[in-house]
Structures are given as C-alpha cells and as structure tokens.
Amino acid sequence: MLHTPPNRPTGKSIQLMTTCLCDAFYADVAQATVEVLEFLGCEIELPDGQTCCGQPAFNSGDWTSSRKVVRHTAKVFAGDKPIVAPSGSCAAMVFHGAPLAFEKEADLPVIQALANRTWELLDFIVFGLGVTEWPGKFDAKITVHRSCHLRGSRSPEAMASLLSSIEGLTVEPIDETEQCCGFGGTFAVSFPNISNRMGTLKIEKLTACKPDIVAAADMGCMMHFGGMMEKQGFPQKRMHVAQILRDSLKNAGKI
C-alpha cells in the first residue's frame, strides 16, 4: 500500500516539479499551480534541468533505466525545501516508487531524502500549509476522478476539502470511485483493449450526472479518459483541480 512519508518539510519556500505532461501537453496546469502557490505566499524555485520522475521505465520493469532518471532528479532537486508536483502519479513515483527501485543501491539514503521532501500539490496546500478552505467562486457542477496513485495518500481528503469549500461549486458523487481509468502508463499501450474498456466504464460513471466539468489531479488520467471523451463526443470540459482553484480565485477577484 502506498503511504506518504511522515514528517515532510513544510514552509512557503518550495521547489516545483512541473512534470513531463505539463511540459508537453498541459502548460496551463503548471501556470495554474504557480498562480495558486503564489497566491498562498509561496516563493517558488523552478530548478533547471528537470526532466522525468522515472515512472515510465519503473512501470515497465526497467528499473536500471529508471534509476538513472531518478538519480538525475535527485541532483536537480538538491536541497532541503519541499518539492511540490501537480501530479499524484509523479509525486507517488518519487516518494514511493523510487525508494523501492533503490532498495539494494548504495545511494538509497539520497533517494530516500528526496522522497521524504516530496508532496502532491493538494496534499501540500492542505496538510503542508494548513489551508483547508478555498476563497474562490466557481459556478459549476463537477465530478472528480480520483486516480489510483492518490490511494493511500491524503490527497483525496485534501482535494475534497478544497473543492467543497468553493462558493458555487457542486461536487457530485460518482459510483465506483476506486475504479481505474485504464491508463496505467504503459498498461494502456500493452493492453489497449482492456484499457479502452476500463476507460469507457470510468467515463460512464464520471458523466452519469451530466456534469459541466470532469476534474482530476493527475494529467495522465486526464489525457487518457479526456482523449476518449473527445473522440466519443462528450461535451464536458476536463480540468485539473489546480486550474479550478486558480480560476475560482479569478472569478472572486482575488487575483
């Protein structure tokens, strides 16, 4: 079972891990994350040279290649500041997957130190900074996909706390909350038919109440079921929770 590390550093001077998917497809999620953290008074360091967290190779079983990437990440994110990522899967790779891959390696203490500083964005806002209510306004009905990589962490609790406090926002419950969207990184490539069926089931649950928006805190999931929704003609907009937090602040005249 995945568990977030205890006693992670807090404070408003942070390092931001923007992730591959922000870089390639979701630049506005990175921008929204910056605006949200700056609203909260954070000083953000964006380390040069950051690439991947190592998860694709890790999930494929190529732990040798994954370790090379993780070692690079540890060098890029040197220091003792909190590391914040707007992605449950990337954060989980760093604080959970990476230590597993380094169990028999001499530099495990270095990687464990990296893991012990890493937060998923919503987890950091609520349990790192102590912000449990969000002073925004967002008139919409949404459903939320809770990705597999958030299981065992406090991110779902944090996400629920923030979204439920936004004026005008209605978060509708869905059936089979724990159901995977079918992405699973390389799983979707290796088993496309199974992945497609899982995604179809997930979309059925997410859209059953006809929400205005389908939200998630993980861009891999958004890319997967969002692409399926677009191809099948679903009208719902997909948004990362960071974008909802940012836009709600704009709607309330806070930024």
C-alpha atoms as a PDB file:
ATOM      1  CA  MET A   1       0.000   0.000   0.000  1.00  0.00           C
ATOM      2  CA  LEU A   2       1.264   3.448  -0.932  1.00  0.00           C
ATOM      3  CA  HIS A   3       1.757   5.811   2.004  1.00  0.00           C
ATOM      4  CA  THR A   4       3.064   9.356   2.038  1.00  0.00           C
ATOM      5  CA  PRO A   5       6.279   9.882   4.027  1.00  0.00           C
ATOM      6  CA  PRO A   6       5.892  11.206   7.583  1.00  0.00           C
ATOM      7  CA  ASN A   7       7.392  14.485   8.758  1.00  0.00           C
ATOM      8  CA  ARG A   8       7.915  16.021   5.336  1.00  0.00           C
ATOM      9  CA  PRO A   9       9.262  19.595   5.328  1.00  0.00           C
ATOM     10  CA  THR A  10       6.752  22.415   5.079  1.00  0.00           C
ATOM     11  CA  GLY A  11       7.096  26.143   4.628  1.00  0.00           C
ATOM     12  CA  LYS A  12       6.490  28.565   1.778  1.00  0.00           C
ATOM     13  CA  SER A  13       9.857  28.303   0.061  1.00  0.00           C
ATOM     14  CA  ILE A  14       9.410  25.381  -2.315  1.00  0.00           C
ATOM     15  CA  GLN A  15      10.768  23.654  -5.395  1.00  0.00           C
ATOM     16  CA  LEU A  16       8.249  22.995  -8.168  1.00  0.00           C
ATOM     17  CA  MET A  17       8.334  19.786 -10.192  1.00  0.00           C
ATOM     18  CA  THR A  18       6.424  20.666 -13.349  1.00  0.00           C
ATOM     19  CA  THR A  19       6.331  17.104 -14.789  1.00  0.00           C
ATOM     20  CA  CYS A  20       6.685  15.838 -18.359  1.00  0.00           C
ATOM     21  CA  LEU A  21       2.992  16.113 -19.143  1.00  0.00           C
ATOM     22  CA  CYS A  22       2.870  19.775 -18.117  1.00  0.00           C
ATOM     23  CA  ASP A  23       5.865  20.389 -20.325  1.00  0.00           C
ATOM     24  CA  ALA A  24       4.433  18.531 -23.337  1.00  0.00           C
ATOM     25  CA  PHE A  25       0.659  18.950 -23.086  1.00  0.00           C
ATOM     26  CA  TYR A  26      -0.594  20.814 -20.021  1.00  0.00           C
ATOM     27  CA  ALA A  27       1.376  24.033 -19.722  1.00  0.00           C
ATOM     28  CA  ASP A  28      -1.638  25.799 -18.220  1.00  0.00           C
ATOM     29  CA  VAL A  29      -1.715  23.328 -15.337  1.00  0.00           C
ATOM     30  CA  ALA A  30       1.831  24.372 -14.474  1.00  0.00           C
ATOM     31  CA  GLN A  31       0.823  28.025 -14.791  1.00  0.00           C
ATOM     32  CA  ALA A  32      -2.235  27.483 -12.598  1.00  0.00           C
ATOM     33  CA  THR A  33      -0.073  25.714 -10.000  1.00  0.00           C
ATOM     34  CA  VAL A  34       2.312  28.674  -9.899  1.00  0.00           C
ATOM     35  CA  GLU A  35      -0.545  31.175  -9.544  1.00  0.00           C
ATOM     36  CA  VAL A  36      -2.186  29.148  -6.778  1.00  0.00           C
ATOM     37  CA  LEU A  37       1.042  28.769  -4.815  1.00  0.00           C
ATOM     38  CA  GLU A  38       1.963  32.439  -5.272  1.00  0.00           C
ATOM     39  CA  PHE A  39      -1.500  33.403  -4.012  1.00  0.00           C
ATOM     40  CA  LEU A  40      -0.676  31.420  -0.882  1.00  0.00           C
ATOM     41  CA  GLY A  41       2.555  33.375  -0.462  1.00  0.00           C
ATOM     42  CA  CYS A  42       4.979  30.734  -1.658  1.00  0.00           C
ATOM     43  CA  GLU A  43       8.388  31.525  -3.096  1.00  0.00           C
ATOM     44  CA  ILE A  44       8.819  29.128  -5.980  1.00  0.00           C
ATOM     45  CA  GLU A  45      12.080  27.750  -7.284  1.00  0.00           C
ATOM     46  CA  LEU A  46      11.868  26.059 -10.681  1.00  0.00           C
ATOM     47  CA  PRO A  47      15.068  24.008 -10.967  1.00  0.00           C
ATOM     48  CA  ASP A  48      16.692  23.951 -14.401  1.00  0.00           C
ATOM     49  CA  GLY A  49      17.373  20.580 -15.951  1.00  0.00           C
ATOM     50  CA  GLN A  50      14.380  18.733 -14.540  1.00  0.00           C
ATOM     51  CA  THR A  51      13.134  16.020 -16.861  1.00  0.00           C
ATOM     52  CA  CYS A  52      11.133  12.927 -15.886  1.00  0.00           C
ATOM     53  CA  CYS A  53      10.469  11.353 -12.490  1.00  0.00           C
ATOM     54  CA  GLY A  54      11.447   7.937 -13.855  1.00  0.00           C
ATOM     55  CA  GLN A  55       7.991   6.418 -13.712  1.00  0.00           C
ATOM     56  CA  PRO A  56       7.619   5.119 -17.325  1.00  0.00           C
ATOM     57  CA  ALA A  57      10.751   2.954 -17.064  1.00  0.00           C
ATOM     58  CA  PHE A  58       9.852   1.932 -13.495  1.00  0.00           C
ATOM     59  CA  ASN A  59       6.363   0.786 -14.523  1.00  0.00           C
ATOM     60  CA  SER A  60       7.834  -1.097 -17.491  1.00  0.00           C
ATOM     61  CA  GLY A  61      10.156  -3.057 -15.215  1.00  0.00           C
ATOM     62  CA  ASP A  62      13.308  -1.371 -16.499  1.00  0.00           C
ATOM     63  CA  TRP A  63      14.487  -0.304 -13.080  1.00  0.00           C
ATOM     64  CA  THR A  64      18.065   0.202 -14.260  1.00  0.00           C
ATOM     65  CA  SER A  65      16.966   2.961 -16.635  1.00  0.00           C
ATOM     66  CA  SER A  66      14.536   4.333 -14.061  1.00  0.00           C
ATOM     67  CA  ARG A  67      17.334   4.666 -11.505  1.00  0.00           C
ATOM     68  CA  LYS A  68      19.364   6.753 -13.963  1.00  0.00           C
ATOM     69  CA  VAL A  69      16.469   9.185 -14.290  1.00  0.00           C
ATOM     70  CA  VAL A  70      15.801   9.277 -10.542  1.00  0.00           C
ATOM     71  CA  ARG A  71      19.472   9.982  -9.809  1.00  0.00           C
ATOM     72  CA  HIS A  72      19.294  12.924 -12.204  1.00  0.00           C
ATOM     73  CA  THR A  73      16.140  14.138 -10.461  1.00  0.00           C
ATOM     74  CA  ALA A  74      17.868  13.935  -7.075  1.00  0.00           C
ATOM     75  CA  LYS A  75      20.701  16.140  -8.379  1.00  0.00           C
ATOM     76  CA  VAL A  76      18.351  18.667  -9.946  1.00  0.00           C
ATOM     77  CA  PHE A  77      16.224  18.919  -6.806  1.00  0.00           C
ATOM     78  CA  ALA A  78      19.107  19.097  -4.354  1.00  0.00           C
ATOM     79  CA  GLY A  79      18.482  20.852  -1.050  1.00  0.00           C
ATOM     80  CA  ASP A  80      16.021  20.568   1.788  1.00  0.00           C
ATOM     81  CA  LYS A  81      12.977  22.503   0.540  1.00  0.00           C
ATOM     82  CA  PRO A  82       9.591  20.863  -0.030  1.00  0.00           C
ATOM     83  CA  ILE A  83       9.193  19.542  -3.572  1.00  0.00           C
ATOM     84  CA  VAL A  84       5.669  20.058  -4.921  1.00  0.00           C
ATOM     85  CA  ALA A  85       4.202  18.371  -8.017  1.00  0.00           C
ATOM     86  CA  PRO A  86       0.730  18.908  -9.534  1.00  0.00           C
ATOM     87  CA  SER A  87       0.520  15.191 -10.244  1.00  0.00           C
ATOM     88  CA  GLY A  88      -0.399  12.341  -7.946  1.00  0.00           C
ATOM     89  CA  SER A  89       1.454   9.813 -10.074  1.00  0.00           C
ATOM     90  CA  CYS A  90       4.721  11.758 -10.329  1.00  0.00           C
ATOM     91  CA  ALA A  91       4.688  12.544  -6.611  1.00  0.00           C
ATOM     92  CA  ALA A  92       3.973   8.898  -5.783  1.00  0.00           C
ATOM     93  CA  MET A  93       6.802   7.760  -8.036  1.00  0.00           C
ATOM     94  CA  VAL A  94       9.268   9.954  -6.160  1.00  0.00           C
ATOM     95  CA  PHE A  95       8.148   9.225  -2.601  1.00  0.00           C
ATOM     96  CA  HIS A  96       7.124   5.582  -3.095  1.00  0.00           C
ATOM     97  CA  GLY A  97       8.394   4.038  -6.339  1.00  0.00           C
ATOM     98  CA  ALA A  98      11.899   5.455  -6.276  1.00  0.00           C
ATOM     99  CA  PRO A  99      12.821   4.086  -2.832  1.00  0.00           C
ATOM    100  CA  LEU A 100      11.617   0.641  -3.952  1.00  0.00           C
ATOM    101  CA  ALA A 101      13.868   0.770  -7.008  1.00  0.00           C
ATOM    102  CA  PHE A 102      16.849   1.741  -4.837  1.00  0.00           C
ATOM    103  CA  GLU A 103      16.427  -0.793  -2.013  1.00  0.00           C
ATOM    104  CA  LYS A 104      19.704  -2.552  -2.906  1.00  0.00           C
ATOM    105  CA  GLU A 105      21.592   0.540  -4.085  1.00  0.00           C
ATOM    106  CA  ALA A 106      24.325   2.318  -2.129  1.00  0.00           C
ATOM    107  CA  ASP A 107      22.731   5.717  -2.692  1.00  0.00           C
ATOM    108  CA  LEU A 108      19.356   4.727  -1.226  1.00  0.00           C
ATOM    109  CA  PRO A 109      19.744   7.368   1.569  1.00  0.00           C
ATOM    110  CA  VAL A 110      20.000  10.111  -1.072  1.00  0.00           C
ATOM    111  CA  ILE A 111      16.867   8.891  -2.840  1.00  0.00           C
ATOM    112  CA  GLN A 112      15.004   8.416   0.435  1.00  0.00           C
ATOM    113  CA  ALA A 113      15.846  12.002   1.364  1.00  0.00           C
ATOM    114  CA  LEU A 114      14.379  13.117  -1.979  1.00  0.00           C
ATOM    115  CA  ALA A 115      11.268  11.034  -1.315  1.00  0.00           C
ATOM    116  CA  ASN A 116      10.850  12.485   2.157  1.00  0.00           C
ATOM    117  CA  ARG A 117      10.594  16.025   0.737  1.00  0.00           C
ATOM    118  CA  THR A 118       8.029  15.341  -1.979  1.00  0.00           C
ATOM    119  CA  TRP A 119       4.390  16.436  -1.917  1.00  0.00           C
ATOM    120  CA  GLU A 120       1.471  16.241  -4.295  1.00  0.00           C
ATOM    121  CA  LEU A 121       0.077  19.780  -4.738  1.00  0.00           C
ATOM    122  CA  LEU A 122      -3.279  19.441  -2.945  1.00  0.00           C
ATOM    123  CA  ASP A 123      -1.748  17.435  -0.126  1.00  0.00           C
ATOM    124  CA  PHE A 124       0.807  20.215   0.315  1.00  0.00           C
ATOM    125  CA  ILE A 125      -1.784  23.015   0.329  1.00  0.00           C
ATOM    126  CA  VAL A 126      -3.952  21.378   2.986  1.00  0.00           C
ATOM    127  CA  PHE A 127      -1.547  19.362   5.121  1.00  0.00           C
ATOM    128  CA  GLY A 128       1.662  21.260   4.433  1.00  0.00           C
ATOM    129  CA  LEU A 129       0.366  24.822   4.588  1.00  0.00           C
ATOM    130  CA  GLY A 130      -2.780  24.225   6.654  1.00  0.00           C
ATOM    131  CA  VAL A 131      -5.191  25.761   4.119  1.00  0.00           C
ATOM    132  CA  THR A 132      -8.445  23.819   4.392  1.00  0.00           C
ATOM    133  CA  GLU A 133     -10.891  26.257   2.751  1.00  0.00           C
ATOM    134  CA  TRP A 134     -10.552  27.953  -0.615  1.00  0.00           C
ATOM    135  CA  PRO A 135     -11.699  31.582  -1.003  1.00  0.00           C
ATOM    136  CA  GLY A 136     -12.858  31.284  -4.599  1.00  0.00           C
ATOM    137  CA  LYS A 137     -16.045  31.276  -6.647  1.00  0.00           C
ATOM    138  CA  PHE A 138     -16.838  28.801  -9.396  1.00  0.00           C
ATOM    139  CA  ASP A 139     -20.382  28.242 -10.628  1.00  0.00           C
ATOM    140  CA  ALA A 140     -20.403  24.697 -11.984  1.00  0.00           C
ATOM    141  CA  LYS A 141     -21.354  21.118 -11.313  1.00  0.00           C
ATOM    142  CA  ILE A 142     -18.362  18.787 -11.463  1.00  0.00           C
ATOM    143  CA  THR A 143     -17.388  15.186 -10.949  1.00  0.00           C
ATOM    144  CA  VAL A 144     -13.917  14.184  -9.832  1.00  0.00           C
ATOM    145  CA  HIS A 145     -11.745  11.278 -10.897  1.00  0.00           C
ATOM    146  CA  ARG A 146      -9.637  10.036  -8.004  1.00  0.00           C
ATOM    147  CA  SER A 147      -6.596   8.483  -9.619  1.00  0.00           C
ATOM    148  CA  CYS A 148      -5.037   5.241  -8.433  1.00  0.00           C
ATOM    149  CA  HIS A 149      -1.825   6.999  -7.411  1.00  0.00           C
ATOM    150  CA  LEU A 150      -3.723   9.018  -4.808  1.00  0.00           C
ATOM    151  CA  ARG A 151      -4.712   5.891  -2.888  1.00  0.00           C
ATOM    152  CA  GLY A 152      -3.059   5.618   0.487  1.00  0.00           C
ATOM    153  CA  SER A 153      -2.227   9.324   0.482  1.00  0.00           C
ATOM    154  CA  ARG A 154      -4.135  12.241   1.992  1.00  0.00           C
ATOM    155  CA  SER A 155      -4.568  13.941  -1.367  1.00  0.00           C
ATOM    156  CA  PRO A 156      -8.190  12.781  -1.857  1.00  0.00           C
ATOM    157  CA  GLU A 157      -9.065  14.229   1.539  1.00  0.00           C
ATOM    158  CA  ALA A 158      -7.279  17.458   0.666  1.00  0.00           C
ATOM    159  CA  MET A 159      -8.980  17.695  -2.712  1.00  0.00           C
ATOM    160  CA  ALA A 160     -12.411  17.187  -1.164  1.00  0.00           C
ATOM    161  CA  SER A 161     -11.742  19.820   1.496  1.00  0.00           C
ATOM    162  CA  LEU A 162     -10.705  22.482  -1.002  1.00  0.00           C
ATOM    163  CA  LEU A 163     -13.309  21.827  -3.686  1.00  0.00           C
ATOM    164  CA  SER A 164     -16.228  21.558  -1.238  1.00  0.00           C
ATOM    165  CA  SER A 165     -15.420  24.990   0.182  1.00  0.00           C
ATOM    166  CA  ILE A 166     -15.551  26.896  -3.138  1.00  0.00           C
ATOM    167  CA  GLU A 167     -18.621  29.103  -3.445  1.00  0.00           C
ATOM    168  CA  GLY A 168     -20.973  27.973  -6.212  1.00  0.00           C
ATOM    169  CA  LEU A 169     -19.181  24.694  -6.909  1.00  0.00           C
ATOM    170  CA  THR A 170     -21.121  21.446  -6.622  1.00  0.00           C
ATOM    171  CA  VAL A 171     -19.117  18.236  -6.477  1.00  0.00           C
ATOM    172  CA  GLU A 172     -21.353  15.318  -7.455  1.00  0.00           C
ATOM    173  CA  PRO A 173     -20.507  11.850  -6.130  1.00  0.00           C
ATOM    174  CA  ILE A 174     -19.855   9.068  -8.621  1.00  0.00           C
ATOM    175  CA  ASP A 175     -20.227   5.298  -8.474  1.00  0.00           C
ATOM    176  CA  GLU A 176     -17.159   3.064  -8.251  1.00  0.00           C
ATOM    177  CA  THR A 177     -14.842   5.829  -7.100  1.00  0.00           C
ATOM    178  CA  GLU A 178     -11.874   3.478  -6.869  1.00  0.00           C
ATOM    179  CA  GLN A 179     -12.235   2.270 -10.464  1.00  0.00           C
ATOM    180  CA  CYS A 180      -9.073   2.881 -12.524  1.00  0.00           C
ATOM    181  CA  CYS A 181      -9.419   4.953 -15.703  1.00  0.00           C
ATOM    182  CA  GLY A 182      -7.444   2.326 -17.621  1.00  0.00           C
ATOM    183  CA  PHE A 183      -4.379   4.428 -18.393  1.00  0.00           C
ATOM    184  CA  GLY A 184      -1.739   2.935 -16.144  1.00  0.00           C
ATOM    185  CA  GLY A 185       1.030   4.451 -18.246  1.00  0.00           C
ATOM    186  CA  THR A 186       2.474   1.627 -20.336  1.00  0.00           C
ATOM    187  CA  PHE A 187      -0.528  -0.584 -19.454  1.00  0.00           C
ATOM    188  CA  ALA A 188      -2.635   1.332 -21.993  1.00  0.00           C
ATOM    189  CA  VAL A 189      -0.073   0.509 -24.683  1.00  0.00           C
ATOM    190  CA  SER A 190       0.438  -3.132 -23.719  1.00  0.00           C
ATOM    191  CA  PHE A 191      -3.242  -3.942 -23.207  1.00  0.00           C
ATOM    192  CA  PRO A 192      -5.191  -1.417 -25.316  1.00  0.00           C
ATOM    193  CA  ASN A 193      -8.474  -3.356 -25.438  1.00  0.00           C
ATOM    194  CA  ILE A 194      -8.647  -3.819 -21.676  1.00  0.00           C
ATOM    195  CA  SER A 195      -7.563  -0.217 -21.169  1.00  0.00           C
ATOM    196  CA  ASN A 196     -10.267   1.036 -23.520  1.00  0.00           C
ATOM    197  CA  ARG A 197     -12.989  -0.888 -21.721  1.00  0.00           C
ATOM    198  CA  MET A 198     -11.831   0.388 -18.342  1.00  0.00           C
ATOM    199  CA  GLY A 199     -11.786   3.940 -19.685  1.00  0.00           C
ATOM    200  CA  THR A 200     -15.276   3.557 -21.134  1.00  0.00           C
ATOM    201  CA  LEU A 201     -16.601   2.369 -17.773  1.00  0.00           C
ATOM    202  CA  LYS A 202     -14.895   5.250 -15.984  1.00  0.00           C
ATOM    203  CA  ILE A 203     -16.358   7.798 -18.373  1.00  0.00           C
ATOM    204  CA  GLU A 204     -19.832   6.331 -17.846  1.00  0.00           C
ATOM    205  CA  LYS A 205     -19.507   6.895 -14.103  1.00  0.00           C
ATOM    206  CA  LEU A 206     -17.981  10.375 -14.429  1.00  0.00           C
ATOM    207  CA  THR A 207     -20.655  11.652 -16.811  1.00  0.00           C
ATOM    208  CA  ALA A 208     -23.767   9.889 -15.467  1.00  0.00           C
ATOM    209  CA  CYS A 209     -24.999  13.030 -13.666  1.00  0.00           C
ATOM    210  CA  LYS A 210     -24.248  15.234 -16.697  1.00  0.00           C
ATOM    211  CA  PRO A 211     -21.685  17.492 -15.007  1.00  0.00           C
ATOM    212  CA  ASP A 212     -20.324  20.656 -16.566  1.00  0.00           C
ATOM    213  CA  ILE A 213     -16.724  19.607 -15.883  1.00  0.00           C
ATOM    214  CA  VAL A 214     -14.830  16.410 -15.167  1.00  0.00           C
ATOM    215  CA  ALA A 215     -11.880  17.150 -12.881  1.00  0.00           C
ATOM    216  CA  ALA A 216      -8.783  15.252 -11.820  1.00  0.00           C
ATOM    217  CA  ALA A 217      -5.476  15.830 -10.042  1.00  0.00           C
ATOM    218  CA  ASP A 218      -3.420  13.707 -12.412  1.00  0.00           C
ATOM    219  CA  MET A 219      -2.733  14.633 -16.017  1.00  0.00           C
ATOM    220  CA  GLY A 220      -2.014  11.096 -17.189  1.00  0.00           C
ATOM    221  CA  CYS A 221      -5.573  10.122 -16.322  1.00  0.00           C
ATOM    222  CA  MET A 222      -6.919  13.331 -17.858  1.00  0.00           C
ATOM    223  CA  MET A 223      -5.052  12.669 -21.088  1.00  0.00           C
ATOM    224  CA  HIS A 224      -6.388   9.114 -21.259  1.00  0.00           C
ATOM    225  CA  PHE A 225     -10.071   9.488 -20.497  1.00  0.00           C
ATOM    226  CA  GLY A 226     -10.126  13.030 -21.876  1.00  0.00           C
ATOM    227  CA  GLY A 227      -8.961  11.790 -25.267  1.00  0.00           C
ATOM    228  CA  MET A 228     -11.617   9.082 -25.204  1.00  0.00           C
ATOM    229  CA  MET A 229     -14.295  11.614 -24.250  1.00  0.00           C
ATOM    230  CA  GLU A 230     -13.266  13.936 -27.055  1.00  0.00           C
ATOM    231  CA  LYS A 231     -13.263  11.130 -29.611  1.00  0.00           C
ATOM    232  CA  GLN A 232     -16.708   9.950 -28.470  1.00  0.00           C
ATOM    233  CA  GLY A 233     -18.205  13.450 -28.487  1.00  0.00           C
ATOM    234  CA  PHE A 234     -18.734  14.049 -24.780  1.00  0.00           C
ATOM    235  CA  PRO A 235     -19.340  17.781 -24.189  1.00  0.00           C
ATOM    236  CA  GLN A 236     -17.840  18.029 -20.702  1.00  0.00           C
ATOM    237  CA  LYS A 237     -14.716  20.101 -20.237  1.00  0.00           C
ATOM    238  CA  ARG A 238     -11.796  18.456 -18.442  1.00  0.00           C
ATOM    239  CA  MET A 239      -9.884  20.457 -15.850  1.00  0.00           C
ATOM    240  CA  HIS A 240      -7.063  19.821 -13.423  1.00  0.00           C
ATOM    241  CA  VAL A 241      -8.012  20.770  -9.873  1.00  0.00           C
ATOM    242  CA  ALA A 242      -5.220  23.383  -9.897  1.00  0.00           C
ATOM    243  CA  GLN A 243      -6.988  25.106 -12.792  1.00  0.00           C
ATOM    244  CA  ILE A 244     -10.260  25.129 -10.881  1.00  0.00           C
ATOM    245  CA  LEU A 245      -8.553  26.623  -7.819  1.00  0.00           C
ATOM    246  CA  ARG A 246      -6.864  29.293  -9.969  1.00  0.00           C
ATOM    247  CA  ASP A 247      -9.983  30.170 -11.979  1.00  0.00           C
ATOM    248  CA  SER A 248     -12.098  30.343  -8.833  1.00  0.00           C
ATOM    249  CA  LEU A 249      -9.703  32.956  -7.439  1.00  0.00           C
ATOM    250  CA  LYS A 250     -10.050  34.960 -10.650  1.00  0.00           C
ATOM    251  CA  ASN A 251     -13.828  34.693 -10.506  1.00  0.00           C
ATOM    252  CA  ALA A 252     -13.787  36.019  -6.933  1.00  0.00           C
ATOM    253  CA  GLY A 253     -11.415  38.870  -7.844  1.00  0.00           C
ATOM    254  CA  LYS A 254      -8.654  37.500  -5.638  1.00  0.00           C
ATOM    255  CA  ILE A 255      -6.015  37.513  -8.356  1.00  0.00           C
END
